[in-house]
PDB file of N, CA and C in Angstrom:
ATOM      1  N   UNK A   1     -62.167  32.894  32.140  1.00  0.00           N
ATOM      2  CA  UNK A   1     -60.988  32.237  32.818  1.00  0.00           C
ATOM      3  C   UNK A   1     -60.108  31.526  31.759  1.00  0.00           C
ATOM      4  N   UNK A   2     -60.731  30.671  30.941  1.00  0.00           N
ATOM      5  CA  UNK A   2     -60.027  29.856  30.025  1.00  0.00           C
ATOM      6  C   UNK A   2     -59.415  30.745  28.939  1.00  0.00           C
ATOM      7  N   UNK A   3     -59.938  31.988  28.647  1.00  0.00           N
ATOM      8  CA  UNK A   3     -59.121  32.794  27.792  1.00  0.00           C
ATOM      9  C   UNK A   3     -57.835  33.203  28.151  1.00  0.00           C
ATOM     10  N   UNK A   4     -57.695  33.377  29.314  1.00  0.00           N
ATOM     11  CA  UNK A   4     -56.308  33.679  29.998  1.00  0.00           C
ATOM     12  C   UNK A   4     -55.364  32.709  29.654  1.00  0.00           C
ATOM     13  N   UNK A   5     -55.643  31.471  29.486  1.00  0.00           N
ATOM     14  CA  UNK A   5     -54.648  30.375  29.472  1.00  0.00           C
ATOM     15  C   UNK A   5     -53.834  30.366  28.040  1.00  0.00           C
ATOM     16  N   UNK A   6     -54.375  30.813  26.985  1.00  0.00           N
ATOM     17  CA  UNK A   6     -53.589  30.911  25.759  1.00  0.00           C
ATOM     18  C   UNK A   6     -52.567  32.006  25.900  1.00  0.00           C
ATOM     19  N   UNK A   7     -53.322  33.177  26.645  1.00  0.00           N
ATOM     20  CA  UNK A   7     -52.442  34.528  26.882  1.00  0.00           C
ATOM     21  C   UNK A   7     -51.229  34.098  27.676  1.00  0.00           C
ATOM     22  N   UNK A   8     -51.641  33.614  28.773  1.00  0.00           N
ATOM     23  CA  UNK A   8     -50.219  33.160  29.820  1.00  0.00           C
ATOM     24  C   UNK A   8     -49.305  32.485  29.207  1.00  0.00           C
ATOM     25  N   UNK A   9     -49.565  31.202  28.331  1.00  0.00           N
ATOM     26  CA  UNK A   9     -48.838  30.480  27.623  1.00  0.00           C
ATOM     27  C   UNK A   9     -48.080  31.314  26.621  1.00  0.00           C
ATOM     28  N   UNK A  10     -48.695  32.021  25.775  1.00  0.00           N
ATOM     29  CA  UNK A  10     -47.940  32.942  24.833  1.00  0.00           C
ATOM     30  C   UNK A  10     -46.924  33.933  25.572  1.00  0.00           C
ATOM     31  N   UNK A  11     -47.168  34.524  26.546  1.00  0.00           N
ATOM     32  CA  UNK A  11     -46.364  35.269  27.338  1.00  0.00           C
ATOM     33  C   UNK A  11     -45.143  34.499  27.866  1.00  0.00           C
ATOM     34  N   UNK A  12     -45.433  33.482  28.502  1.00  0.00           N
ATOM     35  CA  UNK A  12     -44.412  32.693  29.126  1.00  0.00           C
ATOM     36  C   UNK A  12     -43.430  32.150  27.989  1.00  0.00           C
ATOM     37  N   UNK A  13     -44.039  31.781  26.951  1.00  0.00           N
ATOM     38  CA  UNK A  13     -43.144  31.289  25.723  1.00  0.00           C
ATOM     39  C   UNK A  13     -42.179  32.456  25.087  1.00  0.00           C
ATOM     40  N   UNK A  14     -43.002  33.676  25.078  1.00  0.00           N
ATOM     41  CA  UNK A  14     -42.258  34.773  24.542  1.00  0.00           C
ATOM     42  C   UNK A  14     -40.922  35.162  25.494  1.00  0.00           C
ATOM     43  N   UNK A  15     -41.244  34.988  26.759  1.00  0.00           N
ATOM     44  CA  UNK A  15     -40.127  35.278  27.735  1.00  0.00           C
ATOM     45  C   UNK A  15     -39.021  34.364  27.566  1.00  0.00           C
ATOM     46  N   UNK A  16     -39.323  33.140  27.401  1.00  0.00           N
ATOM     47  CA  UNK A  16     -38.310  32.154  27.078  1.00  0.00           C
ATOM     48  C   UNK A  16     -37.614  32.424  25.765  1.00  0.00           C
ATOM     49  N   UNK A  17     -38.266  32.882  24.861  1.00  0.00           N
ATOM     50  CA  UNK A  17     -37.616  33.012  23.640  1.00  0.00           C
ATOM     51  C   UNK A  17     -36.555  34.201  23.788  1.00  0.00           C
ATOM     52  N   UNK A  18     -37.116  35.175  24.360  1.00  0.00           N
ATOM     53  CA  UNK A  18     -36.261  36.341  24.727  1.00  0.00           C
ATOM     54  C   UNK A  18     -35.112  36.059  25.507  1.00  0.00           C
ATOM     55  N   UNK A  19     -35.133  35.064  26.533  1.00  0.00           N
ATOM     56  CA  UNK A  19     -34.126  34.874  27.280  1.00  0.00           C
ATOM     57  C   UNK A  19     -33.074  33.929  26.283  1.00  0.00           C
ATOM     58  N   UNK A  20     -33.549  33.152  25.524  1.00  0.00           N
ATOM     59  CA  UNK A  20     -32.769  32.124  24.658  1.00  0.00           C
ATOM     60  C   UNK A  20     -31.824  33.063  23.740  1.00  0.00           C
ATOM     61  N   UNK A  21     -32.174  34.270  23.510  1.00  0.00           N
ATOM     62  CA  UNK A  21     -31.439  35.040  22.400  1.00  0.00           C
ATOM     63  C   UNK A  21     -30.292  35.679  23.108  1.00  0.00           C
ATOM     64  N   UNK A  22     -30.044  35.720  24.391  1.00  0.00           N
ATOM     65  CA  UNK A  22     -29.012  36.491  25.029  1.00  0.00           C
ATOM     66  C   UNK A  22     -28.003  35.352  25.410  1.00  0.00           C
ATOM     67  N   UNK A  23     -26.973  35.382  24.337  1.00  0.00           N
ATOM     68  CA  UNK A  23     -25.979  34.410  24.519  1.00  0.00           C
ATOM     69  C   UNK A  23     -24.476  35.043  25.051  1.00  0.00           C
ATOM     70  N   UNK A  24     -24.108  34.645  26.050  1.00  0.00           N
ATOM     71  CA  UNK A  24     -23.041  35.142  26.817  1.00  0.00           C
ATOM     72  C   UNK A  24     -21.885  34.851  25.874  1.00  0.00           C
ATOM     73  N   UNK A  25     -20.925  35.959  25.524  1.00  0.00           N
ATOM     74  CA  UNK A  25     -20.003  35.735  24.771  1.00  0.00           C
ATOM     75  C   UNK A  25     -18.700  35.152  25.301  1.00  0.00           C
ATOM     76  N   UNK A  26     -17.870  34.588  24.567  1.00  0.00           N
ATOM     77  CA  UNK A  26     -16.777  33.782  24.924  1.00  0.00           C
ATOM     78  C   UNK A  26     -15.606  34.843  25.145  1.00  0.00           C
ATOM     79  N   UNK A  27     -14.936  35.012  26.221  1.00  0.00           N
ATOM     80  CA  UNK A  27     -13.915  35.892  26.366  1.00  0.00           C
ATOM     81  C   UNK A  27     -12.839  35.452  25.552  1.00  0.00           C
ATOM     82  N   UNK A  28     -11.954  36.410  25.141  1.00  0.00           N
ATOM     83  CA  UNK A  28     -10.771  36.028  24.564  1.00  0.00           C
ATOM     84  C   UNK A  28      -9.596  35.285  25.167  1.00  0.00           C
ATOM     85  N   UNK A  29      -8.762  34.565  24.516  1.00  0.00           N
ATOM     86  CA  UNK A  29      -7.607  33.989  25.335  1.00  0.00           C
ATOM     87  C   UNK A  29      -6.832  35.150  25.939  1.00  0.00           C
ATOM     88  N   UNK A  30      -5.905  34.709  26.888  1.00  0.00           N
ATOM     89  CA  UNK A  30      -5.292  35.710  27.619  1.00  0.00           C
ATOM     90  C   UNK A  30      -4.423  36.758  26.621  1.00  0.00           C
ATOM     91  N   UNK A  31      -4.353  37.657  27.004  1.00  0.00           N
ATOM     92  CA  UNK A  31      -3.573  38.742  26.107  1.00  0.00           C
ATOM     93  C   UNK A  31      -2.320  38.392  26.083  1.00  0.00           C
ATOM     94  N   UNK A  32      -1.573  38.798  24.975  1.00  0.00           N
ATOM     95  CA  UNK A  32      -0.178  38.290  24.757  1.00  0.00           C
ATOM     96  C   UNK A  32       0.752  39.199  25.848  1.00  0.00           C
ATOM     97  N   UNK A  33       1.778  38.689  26.177  1.00  0.00           N
ATOM     98  CA  UNK A  33       2.738  39.268  27.108  1.00  0.00           C
ATOM     99  C   UNK A  33       3.076  40.661  26.357  1.00  0.00           C
ATOM    100  N   UNK A  34       3.081  41.701  26.946  1.00  0.00           N
ATOM    101  CA  UNK A  34       3.572  42.872  26.312  1.00  0.00           C
ATOM    102  C   UNK A  34       5.088  43.107  26.171  1.00  0.00           C
ATOM    103  N   UNK A  35       5.862  42.216  27.021  1.00  0.00           N
ATOM    104  CA  UNK A  35       7.028  42.245  26.847  1.00  0.00           C
ATOM    105  C   UNK A  35       7.849  41.342  25.825  1.00  0.00           C
ATOM    106  N   UNK A  36       7.122  40.430  25.336  1.00  0.00           N
ATOM    107  CA  UNK A  36       7.507  39.477  24.387  1.00  0.00           C
ATOM    108  C   UNK A  36       6.780  39.447  23.084  1.00  0.00           C
ATOM    109  N   UNK A  37       5.686  39.935  23.041  1.00  0.00           N
ATOM    110  CA  UNK A  37       4.610  39.875  21.803  1.00  0.00           C
ATOM    111  C   UNK A  37       5.154  40.681  20.835  1.00  0.00           C
ATOM    112  N   UNK A  38       4.969  40.093  19.544  1.00  0.00           N
ATOM    113  CA  UNK A  38       5.317  40.876  18.302  1.00  0.00           C
ATOM    114  C   UNK A  38       3.993  41.842  18.007  1.00  0.00           C
ATOM    115  N   UNK A  39       4.247  42.636  17.116  1.00  0.00           N
ATOM    116  CA  UNK A  39       3.303  43.432  16.794  1.00  0.00           C
ATOM    117  C   UNK A  39       1.983  42.635  16.094  1.00  0.00           C
ATOM    118  N   UNK A  40       2.312  41.653  15.359  1.00  0.00           N
ATOM    119  CA  UNK A  40       1.267  41.064  14.825  1.00  0.00           C
ATOM    120  C   UNK A  40       0.291  40.168  15.954  1.00  0.00           C
ATOM    121  N   UNK A  41       1.090  39.795  16.929  1.00  0.00           N
ATOM    122  CA  UNK A  41       0.302  39.257  17.818  1.00  0.00           C
ATOM    123  C   UNK A  41      -0.473  40.361  18.783  1.00  0.00           C
ATOM    124  N   UNK A  42      -0.061  41.495  18.841  1.00  0.00           N
ATOM    125  CA  UNK A  42      -0.871  42.478  19.652  1.00  0.00           C
ATOM    126  C   UNK A  42      -2.091  42.757  18.907  1.00  0.00           C
ATOM    127  N   UNK A  43      -1.837  42.944  17.394  1.00  0.00           N
ATOM    128  CA  UNK A  43      -2.818  43.453  16.534  1.00  0.00           C
ATOM    129  C   UNK A  43      -3.899  42.494  16.500  1.00  0.00           C
ATOM    130  N   UNK A  44      -3.650  41.075  16.546  1.00  0.00           N
ATOM    131  CA  UNK A  44      -4.604  40.017  16.401  1.00  0.00           C
ATOM    132  C   UNK A  44      -5.321  40.093  17.758  1.00  0.00           C
ATOM    133  N   UNK A  45      -4.672  40.254  18.801  1.00  0.00           N
ATOM    134  CA  UNK A  45      -5.519  40.137  20.150  1.00  0.00           C
ATOM    135  C   UNK A  45      -6.321  41.397  20.207  1.00  0.00           C
ATOM    136  N   UNK A  46      -5.741  42.549  19.940  1.00  0.00           N
ATOM    137  CA  UNK A  46      -6.829  43.698  19.833  1.00  0.00           C
ATOM    138  C   UNK A  46      -7.941  43.462  19.028  1.00  0.00           C
ATOM    139  N   UNK A  47      -8.015  42.760  17.774  1.00  0.00           N
ATOM    140  CA  UNK A  47      -9.087  42.565  17.025  1.00  0.00           C
ATOM    141  C   UNK A  47      -9.946  41.582  17.892  1.00  0.00           C
ATOM    142  N   UNK A  48      -9.342  40.531  18.566  1.00  0.00           N
ATOM    143  CA  UNK A  48     -10.287  39.639  19.327  1.00  0.00           C
ATOM    144  C   UNK A  48     -10.811  40.323  20.708  1.00  0.00           C
ATOM    145  N   UNK A  49      -9.981  41.305  21.139  1.00  0.00           N
ATOM    146  CA  UNK A  49     -10.793  41.803  22.264  1.00  0.00           C
ATOM    147  C   UNK A  49     -11.857  42.882  21.819  1.00  0.00           C
ATOM    148  N   UNK A  50     -11.505  43.469  20.863  1.00  0.00           N
ATOM    149  CA  UNK A  50     -12.634  44.308  20.121  1.00  0.00           C
ATOM    150  C   UNK A  50     -13.824  43.524  19.874  1.00  0.00           C
ATOM    151  N   UNK A  51     -13.761  42.306  19.270  1.00  0.00           N
ATOM    152  CA  UNK A  51     -14.940  41.470  18.833  1.00  0.00           C
ATOM    153  C   UNK A  51     -15.608  40.946  20.063  1.00  0.00           C
ATOM    154  N   UNK A  52     -14.742  40.640  21.265  1.00  0.00           N
ATOM    155  CA  UNK A  52     -15.346  40.312  22.522  1.00  0.00           C
ATOM    156  C   UNK A  52     -16.272  41.527  23.085  1.00  0.00           C
ATOM    157  N   UNK A  53     -15.462  42.721  23.052  1.00  0.00           N
ATOM    158  CA  UNK A  53     -16.263  44.003  23.380  1.00  0.00           C
ATOM    159  C   UNK A  53     -17.493  44.242  22.827  1.00  0.00           C
ATOM    160  N   UNK A  54     -17.545  44.139  21.481  1.00  0.00           N
ATOM    161  CA  UNK A  54     -18.743  44.240  20.779  1.00  0.00           C
ATOM    162  C   UNK A  54     -19.902  43.047  21.196  1.00  0.00           C
ATOM    163  N   UNK A  55     -19.537  42.046  20.985  1.00  0.00           N
ATOM    164  CA  UNK A  55     -20.145  40.817  21.466  1.00  0.00           C
ATOM    165  C   UNK A  55     -20.979  41.059  23.043  1.00  0.00           C
ATOM    166  N   UNK A  56     -19.962  41.562  23.926  1.00  0.00           N
ATOM    167  CA  UNK A  56     -20.432  41.544  25.104  1.00  0.00           C
ATOM    168  C   UNK A  56     -21.479  42.931  25.270  1.00  0.00           C
ATOM    169  N   UNK A  57     -21.239  43.830  24.590  1.00  0.00           N
ATOM    170  CA  UNK A  57     -22.248  45.093  24.389  1.00  0.00           C
ATOM    171  C   UNK A  57     -23.669  44.445  23.910  1.00  0.00           C
ATOM    172  N   UNK A  58     -23.578  43.575  22.809  1.00  0.00           N
ATOM    173  CA  UNK A  58     -24.769  42.998  22.244  1.00  0.00           C
ATOM    174  C   UNK A  58     -25.534  42.270  23.549  1.00  0.00           C
ATOM    175  N   UNK A  59     -24.727  41.511  24.154  1.00  0.00           N
ATOM    176  CA  UNK A  59     -25.285  40.685  25.204  1.00  0.00           C
ATOM    177  C   UNK A  59     -25.961  41.659  26.325  1.00  0.00           C
ATOM    178  N   UNK A  60     -25.288  42.761  26.670  1.00  0.00           N
ATOM    179  CA  UNK A  60     -25.647  43.693  27.701  1.00  0.00           C
ATOM    180  C   UNK A  60     -27.265  44.290  27.141  1.00  0.00           C
ATOM    181  N   UNK A  61     -27.041  44.781  25.779  1.00  0.00           N
ATOM    182  CA  UNK A  61     -28.200  45.191  25.228  1.00  0.00           C
ATOM    183  C   UNK A  61     -29.616  44.219  25.301  1.00  0.00           C
ATOM    184  N   UNK A  62     -29.105  42.966  25.038  1.00  0.00           N
ATOM    185  CA  UNK A  62     -30.049  41.817  25.017  1.00  0.00           C
ATOM    186  C   UNK A  62     -30.661  41.777  26.652  1.00  0.00           C
ATOM    187  N   UNK A  63     -29.938  41.833  27.442  1.00  0.00           N
ATOM    188  CA  UNK A  63     -30.149  41.776  28.927  1.00  0.00           C
ATOM    189  C   UNK A  63     -31.085  42.955  29.106  1.00  0.00           C
ATOM    190  N   UNK A  64     -30.721  44.023  28.730  1.00  0.00           N
ATOM    191  CA  UNK A  64     -31.586  45.240  28.778  1.00  0.00           C
ATOM    192  C   UNK A  64     -32.992  44.940  28.305  1.00  0.00           C
ATOM    193  N   UNK A  65     -33.074  44.360  27.088  1.00  0.00           N
ATOM    194  CA  UNK A  65     -34.483  44.149  26.669  1.00  0.00           C
ATOM    195  C   UNK A  65     -35.376  43.062  27.405  1.00  0.00           C
ATOM    196  N   UNK A  66     -34.598  42.349  27.961  1.00  0.00           N
ATOM    197  CA  UNK A  66     -35.155  41.310  28.883  1.00  0.00           C
ATOM    198  C   UNK A  66     -35.935  41.907  30.006  1.00  0.00           C
ATOM    199  N   UNK A  67     -34.907  42.703  30.633  1.00  0.00           N
ATOM    200  CA  UNK A  67     -35.301  43.565  31.941  1.00  0.00           C
ATOM    201  C   UNK A  67     -36.620  44.379  31.491  1.00  0.00           C
ATOM    202  N   UNK A  68     -36.613  45.128  30.286  1.00  0.00           N
ATOM    203  CA  UNK A  68     -37.784  45.800  29.953  1.00  0.00           C
ATOM    204  C   UNK A  68     -39.087  45.082  29.599  1.00  0.00           C
ATOM    205  N   UNK A  69     -38.898  43.964  29.018  1.00  0.00           N
ATOM    206  CA  UNK A  69     -39.928  42.794  28.830  1.00  0.00           C
ATOM    207  C   UNK A  69     -40.427  42.199  30.301  1.00  0.00           C
ATOM    208  N   UNK A  70     -39.522  42.008  31.087  1.00  0.00           N
ATOM    209  CA  UNK A  70     -40.016  41.568  32.276  1.00  0.00           C
ATOM    210  C   UNK A  70     -40.641  42.382  33.363  1.00  0.00           C
ATOM    211  N   UNK A  71     -40.587  43.761  33.189  1.00  0.00           N
ATOM    212  CA  UNK A  71     -41.095  44.552  33.941  1.00  0.00           C
ATOM    213  C   UNK A  71     -42.594  44.706  33.899  1.00  0.00           C
ATOM    214  N   UNK A  72     -43.285  44.413  34.838  1.00  0.00           N
ATOM    215  CA  UNK A  72     -44.954  44.433  34.871  1.00  0.00           C
ATOM    216  C   UNK A  72     -45.375  45.768  34.619  1.00  0.00           C
ATOM    217  N   UNK A  73     -46.268  45.925  33.533  1.00  0.00           N
ATOM    218  CA  UNK A  73     -47.035  47.079  33.109  1.00  0.00           C
ATOM    219  C   UNK A  73     -47.431  47.972  34.237  1.00  0.00           C
ATOM    220  N   UNK A  74     -48.280  47.191  35.041  1.00  0.00           N
ATOM    221  CA  UNK A  74     -48.894  47.742  36.214  1.00  0.00           C
ATOM    222  C   UNK A  74     -48.642  46.929  37.500  1.00  0.00           C
ATOM    223  N   UNK A  75     -47.471  47.225  38.270  1.00  0.00           N
ATOM    224  CA  UNK A  75     -47.184  46.391  39.463  1.00  0.00           C
ATOM    225  C   UNK A  75     -48.145  46.415  40.381  1.00  0.00           C
ATOM    226  N   UNK A  76     -49.060  47.524  40.511  1.00  0.00           N
ATOM    227  CA  UNK A  76     -50.110  47.460  41.597  1.00  0.00           C
ATOM    228  C   UNK A  76     -51.158  46.597  41.458  1.00  0.00           C
ATOM    229  N   UNK A  77     -51.358  45.969  40.199  1.00  0.00           N
ATOM    230  CA  UNK A  77     -52.150  44.873  39.923  1.00  0.00           C
ATOM    231  C   UNK A  77     -51.641  43.688  40.140  1.00  0.00           C
ATOM    232  N   UNK A  78     -50.572  43.264  40.412  1.00  0.00           N
ATOM    233  CA  UNK A  78     -50.058  42.052  40.820  1.00  0.00           C
ATOM    234  C   UNK A  78     -50.285  41.470  42.137  1.00  0.00           C
ATOM    235  N   UNK A  79     -50.306  40.131  42.301  1.00  0.00           N
ATOM    236  CA  UNK A  79     -50.682  39.476  43.434  1.00  0.00           C
ATOM    237  C   UNK A  79     -49.263  39.651  44.108  1.00  0.00           C
ATOM    238  N   UNK A  80     -49.116  39.384  45.400  1.00  0.00           N
ATOM    239  CA  UNK A  80     -47.880  39.376  46.188  1.00  0.00           C
ATOM    240  C   UNK A  80     -47.041  38.204  45.602  1.00  0.00           C
ATOM    241  N   UNK A  81     -47.356  37.063  45.140  1.00  0.00           N
ATOM    242  CA  UNK A  81     -46.693  36.202  44.446  1.00  0.00           C
ATOM    243  C   UNK A  81     -46.158  36.535  43.163  1.00  0.00           C
ATOM    244  N   UNK A  82     -46.933  37.191  42.473  1.00  0.00           N
ATOM    245  CA  UNK A  82     -46.619  37.667  41.082  1.00  0.00           C
ATOM    246  C   UNK A  82     -45.460  38.672  41.193  1.00  0.00           C
ATOM    247  N   UNK A  83     -45.682  39.468  42.196  1.00  0.00           N
ATOM    248  CA  UNK A  83     -44.908  40.771  42.534  1.00  0.00           C
ATOM    249  C   UNK A  83     -43.482  40.220  42.791  1.00  0.00           C
ATOM    250  N   UNK A  84     -43.250  39.053  43.701  1.00  0.00           N
ATOM    251  CA  UNK A  84     -42.253  38.658  44.190  1.00  0.00           C
ATOM    252  C   UNK A  84     -41.422  37.768  42.926  1.00  0.00           C
ATOM    253  N   UNK A  85     -42.109  37.177  42.049  1.00  0.00           N
ATOM    254  CA  UNK A  85     -41.599  36.616  41.084  1.00  0.00           C
ATOM    255  C   UNK A  85     -41.102  37.557  40.004  1.00  0.00           C
ATOM    256  N   UNK A  86     -41.710  38.601  39.764  1.00  0.00           N
ATOM    257  CA  UNK A  86     -41.204  39.674  38.863  1.00  0.00           C
ATOM    258  C   UNK A  86     -39.997  40.383  39.364  1.00  0.00           C
ATOM    259  N   UNK A  87     -39.942  40.597  40.902  1.00  0.00           N
ATOM    260  CA  UNK A  87     -38.810  41.151  41.499  1.00  0.00           C
ATOM    261  C   UNK A  87     -37.665  39.999  41.475  1.00  0.00           C
ATOM    262  N   UNK A  88     -37.951  39.089  41.597  1.00  0.00           N
ATOM    263  CA  UNK A  88     -36.848  37.982  41.558  1.00  0.00           C
ATOM    264  C   UNK A  88     -36.100  37.886  40.206  1.00  0.00           C
ATOM    265  N   UNK A  89     -36.964  38.027  39.179  1.00  0.00           N
ATOM    266  CA  UNK A  89     -36.677  37.855  37.923  1.00  0.00           C
ATOM    267  C   UNK A  89     -35.611  39.338  37.309  1.00  0.00           C
ATOM    268  N   UNK A  90     -36.218  40.243  38.024  1.00  0.00           N
ATOM    269  CA  UNK A  90     -35.420  41.599  37.664  1.00  0.00           C
ATOM    270  C   UNK A  90     -34.187  41.449  38.288  1.00  0.00           C
ATOM    271  N   UNK A  91     -34.178  41.085  39.635  1.00  0.00           N
ATOM    272  CA  UNK A  91     -32.741  40.762  40.647  1.00  0.00           C
ATOM    273  C   UNK A  91     -31.766  40.048  39.671  1.00  0.00           C
ATOM    274  N   UNK A  92     -32.324  38.816  39.087  1.00  0.00           N
ATOM    275  CA  UNK A  92     -31.278  37.846  38.433  1.00  0.00           C
ATOM    276  C   UNK A  92     -30.908  38.613  37.063  1.00  0.00           C
ATOM    277  N   UNK A  93     -31.685  39.429  36.453  1.00  0.00           N
ATOM    278  CA  UNK A  93     -31.175  39.926  35.340  1.00  0.00           C
ATOM    279  C   UNK A  93     -30.351  41.169  35.522  1.00  0.00           C
ATOM    280  N   UNK A  94     -30.510  41.730  36.501  1.00  0.00           N
ATOM    281  CA  UNK A  94     -29.427  42.676  37.090  1.00  0.00           C
ATOM    282  C   UNK A  94     -28.336  42.132  37.467  1.00  0.00           C
ATOM    283  N   UNK A  95     -28.116  41.048  38.134  1.00  0.00           N
ATOM    284  CA  UNK A  95     -27.056  40.049  38.528  1.00  0.00           C
ATOM    285  C   UNK A  95     -26.374  39.806  37.309  1.00  0.00           C
ATOM    286  N   UNK A  96     -26.836  39.421  36.255  1.00  0.00           N
ATOM    287  CA  UNK A  96     -26.405  39.002  34.983  1.00  0.00           C
ATOM    288  C   UNK A  96     -25.802  40.227  34.250  1.00  0.00           C
ATOM    289  N   UNK A  97     -26.283  41.188  34.351  1.00  0.00           N
ATOM    290  CA  UNK A  97     -25.714  42.672  33.643  1.00  0.00           C
ATOM    291  C   UNK A  97     -24.627  42.953  34.566  1.00  0.00           C
ATOM    292  N   UNK A  98     -24.615  42.917  35.721  1.00  0.00           N
ATOM    293  CA  UNK A  98     -23.566  43.505  36.661  1.00  0.00           C
ATOM    294  C   UNK A  98     -22.455  42.583  36.507  1.00  0.00           C
ATOM    295  N   UNK A  99     -22.498  41.165  36.516  1.00  0.00           N
ATOM    296  CA  UNK A  99     -21.347  40.259  36.359  1.00  0.00           C
ATOM    297  C   UNK A  99     -20.770  40.375  34.974  1.00  0.00           C
ATOM    298  N   UNK A 100     -21.733  40.526  33.872  1.00  0.00           N
ATOM    299  CA  UNK A 100     -20.984  40.710  32.583  1.00  0.00           C
ATOM    300  C   UNK A 100     -20.259  42.154  32.503  1.00  0.00           C
ATOM    301  N   UNK A 101     -20.712  43.175  32.978  1.00  0.00           N
ATOM    302  CA  UNK A 101     -19.828  44.438  32.907  1.00  0.00           C
ATOM    303  C   UNK A 101     -18.706  44.291  33.797  1.00  0.00           C
ATOM    304  N   UNK A 102     -18.766  43.586  34.956  1.00  0.00           N
ATOM    305  CA  UNK A 102     -17.569  43.370  35.868  1.00  0.00           C
ATOM    306  C   UNK A 102     -16.493  42.563  34.989  1.00  0.00           C
ATOM    307  N   UNK A 103     -16.797  41.387  34.252  1.00  0.00           N
ATOM    308  CA  UNK A 103     -16.061  40.426  33.463  1.00  0.00           C
ATOM    309  C   UNK A 103     -15.362  41.275  32.341  1.00  0.00           C
ATOM    310  N   UNK A 104     -16.165  42.144  31.551  1.00  0.00           N
ATOM    311  CA  UNK A 104     -15.732  43.086  30.366  1.00  0.00           C
ATOM    312  C   UNK A 104     -14.695  43.940  31.005  1.00  0.00           C
ATOM    313  N   UNK A 105     -15.052  44.623  32.226  1.00  0.00           N
ATOM    314  CA  UNK A 105     -13.881  45.485  32.824  1.00  0.00           C
ATOM    315  C   UNK A 105     -12.658  44.908  32.869  1.00  0.00           C
ATOM    316  N   UNK A 106     -12.646  43.738  33.585  1.00  0.00           N
ATOM    317  CA  UNK A 106     -11.481  42.868  33.946  1.00  0.00           C
ATOM    318  C   UNK A 106     -10.585  42.462  32.654  1.00  0.00           C
ATOM    319  N   UNK A 107     -11.179  42.017  31.768  1.00  0.00           N
ATOM    320  CA  UNK A 107     -10.884  41.294  30.537  1.00  0.00           C
ATOM    321  C   UNK A 107      -9.900  42.386  29.837  1.00  0.00           C
ATOM    322  N   UNK A 108     -10.749  43.474  29.673  1.00  0.00           N
ATOM    323  CA  UNK A 108     -10.348  44.542  28.861  1.00  0.00           C
ATOM    324  C   UNK A 108      -9.083  45.133  29.470  1.00  0.00           C
ATOM    325  N   UNK A 109      -9.041  45.565  30.941  1.00  0.00           N
ATOM    326  CA  UNK A 109      -8.171  46.013  31.642  1.00  0.00           C
ATOM    327  C   UNK A 109      -6.813  45.239  31.434  1.00  0.00           C
ATOM    328  N   UNK A 110      -6.870  44.022  31.306  1.00  0.00           N
ATOM    329  CA  UNK A 110      -5.809  42.829  31.377  1.00  0.00           C
ATOM    330  C   UNK A 110      -5.133  43.052  29.893  1.00  0.00           C
ATOM    331  N   UNK A 111      -5.883  43.364  29.025  1.00  0.00           N
ATOM    332  CA  UNK A 111      -5.480  43.581  27.676  1.00  0.00           C
ATOM    333  C   UNK A 111      -4.691  44.914  27.690  1.00  0.00           C
ATOM    334  N   UNK A 112      -5.345  45.938  28.144  1.00  0.00           N
ATOM    335  CA  UNK A 112      -4.833  47.269  28.281  1.00  0.00           C
ATOM    336  C   UNK A 112      -3.490  47.321  28.855  1.00  0.00           C
ATOM    337  N   UNK A 113      -3.357  46.544  30.153  1.00  0.00           N
ATOM    338  CA  UNK A 113      -2.088  46.498  30.691  1.00  0.00           C
ATOM    339  C   UNK A 113      -0.883  45.990  29.755  1.00  0.00           C
ATOM    340  N   UNK A 114      -1.299  44.966  29.169  1.00  0.00           N
ATOM    341  CA  UNK A 114      -0.167  44.426  28.393  1.00  0.00           C
ATOM    342  C   UNK A 114      -0.098  45.336  26.950  1.00  0.00           C
ATOM    343  N   UNK A 115      -0.815  46.134  26.658  1.00  0.00           N
ATOM    344  CA  UNK A 115      -0.569  46.854  25.536  1.00  0.00           C
ATOM    345  C   UNK A 115       0.206  48.205  26.064  1.00  0.00           C
ATOM    346  N   UNK A 116       0.040  48.632  27.092  1.00  0.00           N
ATOM    347  CA  UNK A 116       0.846  49.564  27.667  1.00  0.00           C
ATOM    348  C   UNK A 116       2.381  49.301  27.726  1.00  0.00           C
ATOM    349  N   UNK A 117       2.571  47.901  28.352  1.00  0.00           N
ATOM    350  CA  UNK A 117       4.055  47.359  28.397  1.00  0.00           C
ATOM    351  C   UNK A 117       4.568  47.410  26.988  1.00  0.00           C
ATOM    352  N   UNK A 118       3.774  46.759  26.022  1.00  0.00           N
ATOM    353  CA  UNK A 118       4.127  46.630  24.658  1.00  0.00           C
ATOM    354  C   UNK A 118       4.507  47.808  23.947  1.00  0.00           C
ATOM    355  N   UNK A 119       3.872  49.072  24.285  1.00  0.00           N
ATOM    356  CA  UNK A 119       4.023  50.310  23.737  1.00  0.00           C
ATOM    357  C   UNK A 119       5.405  50.957  24.579  1.00  0.00           C
ATOM    358  N   UNK A 120       5.477  50.727  25.762  1.00  0.00           N
ATOM    359  CA  UNK A 120       6.488  51.335  26.392  1.00  0.00           C
ATOM    360  C   UNK A 120       7.967  50.481  25.966  1.00  0.00           C
ATOM    361  N   UNK A 121       7.699  49.194  25.620  1.00  0.00           N
ATOM    362  CA  UNK A 121       9.059  48.468  25.051  1.00  0.00           C
ATOM    363  C   UNK A 121       9.249  48.906  23.743  1.00  0.00           C
ATOM    364  N   UNK A 122       8.264  49.388  22.898  1.00  0.00           N
ATOM    365  CA  UNK A 122       8.505  49.889  21.632  1.00  0.00           C
ATOM    366  C   UNK A 122       9.213  51.081  21.498  1.00  0.00           C
ATOM    367  N   UNK A 123       8.992  51.919  22.579  1.00  0.00           N
ATOM    368  CA  UNK A 123       9.639  53.467  22.634  1.00  0.00           C
ATOM    369  C   UNK A 123      11.015  53.316  23.024  1.00  0.00           C
ATOM    370  N   UNK A 124      11.667  52.189  23.546  1.00  0.00           N
ATOM    371  CA  UNK A 124      12.906  52.109  24.070  1.00  0.00           C
ATOM    372  C   UNK A 124      13.892  51.897  22.992  1.00  0.00           C
TER     373      UNK A 124
END
């Protein structure tokens, strides 16, 4: 029984370290107004939004790794308490993933709206 203590401690520390690696990215400032922005402002904003998109994809990949690591190898061998804990952890990670995807879509769509306005203005 005592031999399980170091293993359990190592596994719990590993899970903590895996969680600590997933850093939620900072979203860019608001997109410039497409009606008044200069080309330089739109290019700078695009670079910032591209950075954010890349950072968010790294975060989502990290969450996926956490989900894989948190999934029990053999759920049938878990006690009801362990199963509930594993299920709760999976639900939390799924919620983090979904919230990040939702934010990414909103932030990027706001920039794309302003980019369309900017391009339409440039054509006139």
